[in-house]
C-alpha atoms as a PDB file:
ATOM      1  CA  MET A   1      -7.669  -2.383 -15.068  1.00  0.00           C
ATOM      2  CA  PRO A   2      -6.735  -0.325 -18.132  1.00  0.00           C
ATOM      3  CA  ALA A   3     -10.421   0.071 -19.026  1.00  0.00           C
ATOM      4  CA  LEU A   4     -11.231   1.170 -15.460  1.00  0.00           C
ATOM      5  CA  ALA A   5      -8.361   3.680 -15.414  1.00  0.00           C
ATOM      6  CA  HIS A   6      -9.513   4.996 -18.806  1.00  0.00           C
ATOM      7  CA  TRP A   7     -13.104   5.390 -17.614  1.00  0.00           C
ATOM      8  CA  LEU A   8     -11.981   7.162 -14.428  1.00  0.00           C
ATOM      9  CA  ALA A   9      -9.638   9.478 -16.327  1.00  0.00           C
ATOM     10  CA  SER A  10     -12.466  10.367 -18.726  1.00  0.00           C
ATOM     11  CA  ARG A  11     -14.482  11.700 -15.773  1.00  0.00           C
ATOM     12  CA  GLN A  12     -12.332  14.845 -15.806  1.00  0.00           C
ATOM     13  CA  PHE A  13     -12.902  17.590 -18.314  1.00  0.00           C
ATOM     14  CA  ILE A  14     -11.929  21.165 -18.926  1.00  0.00           C
ATOM     15  CA  TYR A  15     -14.346  23.239 -16.899  1.00  0.00           C
ATOM     16  CA  LEU A  16     -15.597  26.441 -18.493  1.00  0.00           C
ATOM     17  CA  ASN A  17     -17.749  28.997 -16.760  1.00  0.00           C
ATOM     18  CA  PRO A  18     -21.429  28.595 -17.595  1.00  0.00           C
ATOM     19  CA  PRO A  19     -22.917  30.995 -20.111  1.00  0.00           C
ATOM     20  CA  GLU A  20     -24.525  34.089 -18.661  1.00  0.00           C
ATOM     21  CA  ASN A  21     -28.189  34.989 -19.141  1.00  0.00           C
ATOM     22  CA  GLU A  22     -29.500  38.411 -20.173  1.00  0.00           C
ATOM     23  CA  ASP A  23     -28.903  39.821 -16.662  1.00  0.00           C
ATOM     24  CA  GLY A  24     -25.209  38.914 -16.762  1.00  0.00           C
ATOM     25  CA  GLU A  25     -25.793  36.164 -14.156  1.00  0.00           C
ATOM     26  CA  PRO A  26     -24.698  32.561 -14.671  1.00  0.00           C
ATOM     27  CA  ASP A  27     -27.409  30.348 -16.123  1.00  0.00           C
ATOM     28  CA  GLU A  28     -29.402  28.717 -13.302  1.00  0.00           C
ATOM     29  CA  ASP A  29     -29.500  25.255 -14.911  1.00  0.00           C
ATOM     30  CA  PRO A  30     -26.311  23.356 -14.127  1.00  0.00           C
ATOM     31  CA  VAL A  31     -25.152  21.608 -17.276  1.00  0.00           C
ATOM     32  CA  ASN A  32     -22.029  19.741 -18.164  1.00  0.00           C
ATOM     33  CA  PHE A  33     -19.626  22.009 -20.012  1.00  0.00           C
ATOM     34  CA  THR A  34     -17.522  19.295 -21.605  1.00  0.00           C
ATOM     35  CA  LEU A  35     -17.569  20.822 -25.076  1.00  0.00           C
ATOM     36  CA  PRO A  36     -15.585  24.063 -24.898  1.00  0.00           C
ATOM     37  CA  ASP A  37     -16.223  27.118 -27.001  1.00  0.00           C
ATOM     38  CA  LEU A  38     -13.202  27.175 -29.310  1.00  0.00           C
ATOM     39  CA  ALA A  39     -12.905  30.944 -28.871  1.00  0.00           C
ATOM     40  CA  GLN A  40     -12.298  30.411 -25.118  1.00  0.00           C
ATOM     41  CA  LEU A  41      -9.560  27.809 -25.476  1.00  0.00           C
ATOM     42  CA  SER A  42      -5.974  28.685 -24.747  1.00  0.00           C
ATOM     43  CA  LEU A  43      -2.737  26.784 -25.043  1.00  0.00           C
ATOM     44  CA  GLU A  44      -1.635  28.158 -21.680  1.00  0.00           C
ATOM     45  CA  GLU A  45      -2.088  25.422 -19.050  1.00  0.00           C
ATOM     46  CA  HIS A  46      -2.555  27.872 -16.187  1.00  0.00           C
ATOM     47  CA  GLN A  47      -5.923  28.923 -17.560  1.00  0.00           C
ATOM     48  CA  HIS A  48      -7.447  25.446 -17.490  1.00  0.00           C
ATOM     49  CA  LEU A  49      -9.644  24.137 -14.731  1.00  0.00           C
ATOM     50  CA  ALA A  50     -10.307  20.384 -14.586  1.00  0.00           C
ATOM     51  CA  GLY A  51     -13.652  19.367 -13.151  1.00  0.00           C
ATOM     52  CA  PHE A  52     -14.787  15.814 -12.439  1.00  0.00           C
ATOM     53  CA  ASN A  53     -18.160  14.169 -12.781  1.00  0.00           C
ATOM     54  CA  GLY A  54     -19.456  10.732 -11.877  1.00  0.00           C
ATOM     55  CA  ARG A  55     -20.875   9.882 -15.296  1.00  0.00           C
ATOM     56  CA  CYS A  56     -21.645  11.514 -18.592  1.00  0.00           C
ATOM     57  CA  ASN A  57     -24.040  14.447 -18.565  1.00  0.00           C
ATOM     58  CA  LYS A  58     -23.423  15.231 -14.888  1.00  0.00           C
ATOM     59  CA  VAL A  59     -22.001  18.525 -13.692  1.00  0.00           C
ATOM     60  CA  ALA A  60     -18.601  18.858 -12.075  1.00  0.00           C
ATOM     61  CA  ASP A  61     -18.750  18.134  -8.349  1.00  0.00           C
ATOM     62  CA  THR A  62     -16.233  18.435  -5.506  1.00  0.00           C
ATOM     63  CA  CYS A  63     -16.841  14.912  -4.241  1.00  0.00           C
ATOM     64  CA  TYR A  64     -16.252  13.381  -7.688  1.00  0.00           C
ATOM     65  CA  THR A  65     -12.815  14.961  -7.645  1.00  0.00           C
ATOM     66  CA  TRP A  66     -12.228  12.857  -4.511  1.00  0.00           C
ATOM     67  CA  TRP A  67     -13.878   9.632  -5.707  1.00  0.00           C
ATOM     68  CA  VAL A  68     -12.203   9.624  -9.113  1.00  0.00           C
ATOM     69  CA  GLY A  69      -8.887  11.108  -7.993  1.00  0.00           C
ATOM     70  CA  ALA A  70      -8.506   8.811  -4.983  1.00  0.00           C
ATOM     71  CA  ALA A  71      -9.360   5.772  -7.121  1.00  0.00           C
ATOM     72  CA  LEU A  72      -6.709   6.723  -9.694  1.00  0.00           C
ATOM     73  CA  PHE A  73      -4.125   7.299  -6.938  1.00  0.00           C
ATOM     74  CA  THR A  74      -4.987   3.931  -5.389  1.00  0.00           C
ATOM     75  CA  LEU A  75      -4.551   2.239  -8.782  1.00  0.00           C
ATOM     76  CA  GLY A  76      -1.172   3.961  -9.218  1.00  0.00           C
ATOM     77  CA  GLN A  77      -2.557   5.950 -12.153  1.00  0.00           C
ATOM     78  CA  GLU A  78      -2.314   9.446 -10.658  1.00  0.00           C
ATOM     79  CA  HIS A  79      -0.417  10.603 -13.755  1.00  0.00           C
ATOM     80  CA  LEU A  80      -3.775  10.521 -15.575  1.00  0.00           C
ATOM     81  CA  ILE A  81      -5.059  13.409 -13.443  1.00  0.00           C
ATOM     82  CA  SER A  82      -4.423  17.016 -14.429  1.00  0.00           C
ATOM     83  CA  GLN A  83      -3.484  17.716 -10.834  1.00  0.00           C
ATOM     84  CA  GLU A  84      -2.716  21.414 -11.094  1.00  0.00           C
ATOM     85  CA  ALA A  85      -5.864  22.068 -13.148  1.00  0.00           C
ATOM     86  CA  SER A  86      -7.897  20.023 -10.632  1.00  0.00           C
ATOM     87  CA  ARG A  87      -6.376  21.943  -7.746  1.00  0.00           C
ATOM     88  CA  ARG A  88      -7.293  25.251  -9.387  1.00  0.00           C
ATOM     89  CA  PHE A  89     -10.819  23.997 -10.083  1.00  0.00           C
ATOM     90  CA  LEU A  90     -11.304  23.123  -6.399  1.00  0.00           C
ATOM     91  CA  LEU A  91      -9.761  26.297  -5.017  1.00  0.00           C
ATOM     92  CA  GLU A  92     -11.117  28.748  -7.574  1.00  0.00           C
ATOM     93  CA  LYS A  93     -14.555  27.317  -8.374  1.00  0.00           C
ATOM     94  CA  MET A  94     -15.594  24.958  -5.601  1.00  0.00           C
ATOM     95  CA  GLN A  95     -14.174  26.663  -2.510  1.00  0.00           C
ATOM     96  CA  HIS A  96     -16.703  29.079  -1.057  1.00  0.00           C
ATOM     97  CA  ARG A  97     -15.699  32.624  -0.117  1.00  0.00           C
ATOM     98  CA  ILE A  98     -16.758  32.012   3.509  1.00  0.00           C
ATOM     99  CA  GLY A  99     -14.680  28.812   3.632  1.00  0.00           C
ATOM    100  CA  GLY A 100     -15.305  25.174   2.868  1.00  0.00           C
ATOM    101  CA  PHE A 101     -16.359  23.564  -0.381  1.00  0.00           C
ATOM    102  CA  GLY A 102     -19.733  23.257  -2.030  1.00  0.00           C
ATOM    103  CA  LYS A 103     -21.200  20.614  -4.314  1.00  0.00           C
ATOM    104  CA  TYR A 104     -21.207  22.810  -7.433  1.00  0.00           C
ATOM    105  CA  PRO A 105     -19.481  26.086  -8.259  1.00  0.00           C
ATOM    106  CA  GLY A 106     -21.195  28.819  -6.253  1.00  0.00           C
ATOM    107  CA  SER A 107     -23.159  26.468  -4.017  1.00  0.00           C
ATOM    108  CA  PRO A 108     -22.941  26.930  -0.239  1.00  0.00           C
ATOM    109  CA  PRO A 109     -20.323  24.896   1.597  1.00  0.00           C
ATOM    110  CA  ASP A 110     -21.235  21.718   3.449  1.00  0.00           C
ATOM    111  CA  LEU A 111     -19.285  19.251   5.592  1.00  0.00           C
ATOM    112  CA  TYR A 112     -19.462  16.381   3.106  1.00  0.00           C
ATOM    113  CA  HIS A 113     -17.961  18.327   0.217  1.00  0.00           C
ATOM    114  CA  GLY A 114     -15.581  20.165   2.553  1.00  0.00           C
ATOM    115  CA  CYS A 115     -14.206  16.844   3.753  1.00  0.00           C
ATOM    116  CA  PHE A 116     -13.732  15.444   0.250  1.00  0.00           C
ATOM    117  CA  GLY A 117     -12.328  18.688  -1.143  1.00  0.00           C
ATOM    118  CA  LEU A 118      -9.651  18.776   1.548  1.00  0.00           C
ATOM    119  CA  ALA A 119      -9.081  15.016   1.256  1.00  0.00           C
ATOM    120  CA  ILE A 120      -8.249  15.055  -2.454  1.00  0.00           C
ATOM    121  CA  LEU A 121      -6.076  18.136  -2.021  1.00  0.00           C
ATOM    122  CA  ALA A 122      -4.187  16.256   0.722  1.00  0.00           C
ATOM    123  CA  VAL A 123      -3.808  13.183  -1.504  1.00  0.00           C
ATOM    124  CA  MET A 124      -2.399  15.429  -4.234  1.00  0.00           C
ATOM    125  CA  GLY A 125       0.105  16.849  -1.727  1.00  0.00           C
ATOM    126  CA  GLU A 126      -1.348  20.327  -1.142  1.00  0.00           C
ATOM    127  CA  GLU A 127       1.044  22.433   0.912  1.00  0.00           C
ATOM    128  CA  GLY A 128      -0.147  22.905   4.488  1.00  0.00           C
ATOM    129  CA  LEU A 129      -2.167  19.666   4.557  1.00  0.00           C
ATOM    130  CA  ASN A 130      -0.956  16.337   5.902  1.00  0.00           C
ATOM    131  CA  LYS A 131      -0.506  13.817   3.084  1.00  0.00           C
ATOM    132  CA  LEU A 132      -3.476  11.449   2.948  1.00  0.00           C
ATOM    133  CA  ASP A 133      -3.562   7.781   1.939  1.00  0.00           C
ATOM    134  CA  SER A 134      -6.034   7.468  -0.950  1.00  0.00           C
ATOM    135  CA  SER A 135      -6.999   3.868  -0.150  1.00  0.00           C
ATOM    136  CA  LEU A 136      -7.775   4.236   3.549  1.00  0.00           C
ATOM    137  CA  ALA A 137      -8.667   7.963   3.560  1.00  0.00           C
ATOM    138  CA  VAL A 138      -6.476   8.542   6.606  1.00  0.00           C
ATOM    139  CA  PRO A 139      -3.224  10.476   7.041  1.00  0.00           C
ATOM    140  CA  ILE A 140      -0.068   8.671   5.879  1.00  0.00           C
ATOM    141  CA  GLU A 141       1.241   8.869   9.464  1.00  0.00           C
ATOM    142  CA  THR A 142      -1.797   6.878  10.633  1.00  0.00           C
ATOM    143  CA  VAL A 143      -1.028   4.209   8.028  1.00  0.00           C
ATOM    144  CA  ARG A 144       2.557   4.024   9.325  1.00  0.00           C
ATOM    145  CA  ARG A 145       1.278   3.615  12.906  1.00  0.00           C
ATOM    146  CA  ILE A 146      -1.095   0.847  11.829  1.00  0.00           C
ATOM    147  CA  GLU A 147       1.759  -0.913  10.022  1.00  0.00           C
ATOM    148  CA  ARG A 148       4.042  -0.612  13.090  1.00  0.00           C
ATOM    149  CA  ALA A 149       1.301  -1.869  15.407  1.00  0.00           C
ATOM    150  CA  ARG A 150       0.629  -4.843  13.113  1.00  0.00           C
ATOM    151  CA  LYS A 151       4.335  -5.673  12.980  1.00  0.00           C
ATOM    152  CA  ASP A 152       4.610  -5.469  16.788  1.00  0.00           C
ATOM    153  CA  LEU A 153       1.525  -7.658  17.256  1.00  0.00           C
ATOM    154  CA  LEU A 154       2.867 -10.270  14.842  1.00  0.00           C
ATOM    155  CA  GLU A 155       6.243 -10.275  16.590  1.00  0.00           C
ATOM    156  CA  ALA A 156       4.536 -10.627  19.989  1.00  0.00           C
ATOM    157  CA  GLU A 157       2.430 -13.502  18.649  1.00  0.00           C
ATOM    158  CA  ARG A 158       5.551 -15.244  17.319  1.00  0.00           C
ATOM    159  CA  ALA A 159       7.332 -14.767  20.668  1.00  0.00           C
ATOM    160  CA  ASP A 160       4.268 -16.047  22.561  1.00  0.00           C
ATOM    161  CA  SER A 161       4.035 -19.022  20.216  1.00  0.00           C
ATOM    162  CA  LYS A 162       7.721 -19.839  20.823  1.00  0.00           C
ATOM    163  CA  ALA A 163       7.160 -19.627  24.609  1.00  0.00           C
ATOM    164  CA  ARG A 164       4.188 -22.021  24.362  1.00  0.00           C
ATOM    165  CA  GLN A 165       6.276 -24.438  22.281  1.00  0.00           C
ATOM    166  CA  LEU A 166       9.093 -24.309  24.838  1.00  0.00           C
ATOM    167  CA  GLU A 167       6.589 -24.892  27.665  1.00  0.00           C
ATOM    168  CA  LYS A 168       5.212 -27.967  25.848  1.00  0.00           C
ATOM    169  CA  LYS A 169       8.727 -29.345  25.370  1.00  0.00           C
ATOM    170  CA  VAL A 170       9.582 -28.867  29.050  1.00  0.00           C
ATOM    171  CA  VAL A 171       6.311 -30.438  30.212  1.00  0.00           C
ATOM    172  CA  GLY A 172       6.651 -33.133  27.559  1.00  0.00           C
ATOM    173  CA  MET A 173      10.069 -34.091  28.861  1.00  0.00           C
ATOM    174  CA  GLY A 174       8.282 -35.154  32.027  1.00  0.00           C
ATOM    175  CA  LEU A 175      11.083 -34.309  34.394  1.00  0.00           C
ATOM    176  CA  GLY A 176       9.730 -37.034  36.647  1.00  0.00           C
ATOM    177  CA  LEU A 177       6.568 -35.031  37.304  1.00  0.00           C
ATOM    178  CA  ALA A 178       4.148 -37.289  35.439  1.00  0.00           C
ATOM    179  CA  GLY A 179       3.427 -34.618  32.797  1.00  0.00           C
ATOM    180  CA  LYS A 180       2.656 -31.856  35.309  1.00  0.00           C
ATOM    181  CA  LYS A 181       4.201 -28.401  35.007  1.00  0.00           C
ATOM    182  CA  PRO A 182       7.116 -27.843  37.369  1.00  0.00           C
ATOM    183  CA  ASN A 183       6.533 -25.179  40.066  1.00  0.00           C
ATOM    184  CA  TRP A 184       9.104 -22.844  38.550  1.00  0.00           C
ATOM    185  CA  LEU A 185       7.140 -22.843  35.251  1.00  0.00           C
ATOM    186  CA  THR A 186       3.739 -22.180  36.840  1.00  0.00           C
ATOM    187  CA  GLY A 187       4.973 -19.435  39.151  1.00  0.00           C
ATOM    188  CA  SER A 188       3.857 -21.319  42.253  1.00  0.00           C
ATOM    189  CA  ALA A 189       7.371 -22.181  43.489  1.00  0.00           C
ATOM    190  CA  ILE A 190       7.710 -22.386  47.285  1.00  0.00           C
END
C-alpha cells in the first residue's frame, strides 16, 4: 500500500503554462511540464497549480485528477494531494470558458471530463457541490441510504428467520395435529 500511495502521489506535479511560440501562442505540442523553469518558481502556494497524469511523460488531464485523487481518498491518503493547488488547476486551466471541463488545458469541454472534474471537486468538498464518496462515485447521501436499506433488509431477514423458527417449533410440538399446521397459523381458521 505505501508503494501504491507513493506512485499515485507522484502523478501530481506543479503545472506551468506551456512555452509560447514566436506568435505568442502556446506551443501546439502538449508536453509534460514536470520540470519547472527556476525563474518561474515562487514560494507562495497560491501561485501553484497541481496537475495530474496517468504515467510519466503524459500531460496533465482532468480525468487523471479524478482517478488519482479518488484512489488516494479511498486509501485514506488524501493528505498526499495538494488539494487547493489541484482545485485551482481544474478551475483555472481545465474548466472551459463556456462551461464544463476539457481533457487538456484549452481543449473543448466534453461530458466525460466534465463528469470527472465535478466528481473530484465534490470529493474534495468543493462548496456548492454535494460531497461525493470516492469509492462508489455516488453522493454521500446515497451511500447513507444504501447503508440504511441494507440494515433494514438484514433486520427484516432476522425477524423473518425468527418467525420461521417459531413456526417450526409450534408445528414440531404437534399439538395433536400429526405435524400439520394449526388453522390459526395458516390463516385458514373457520
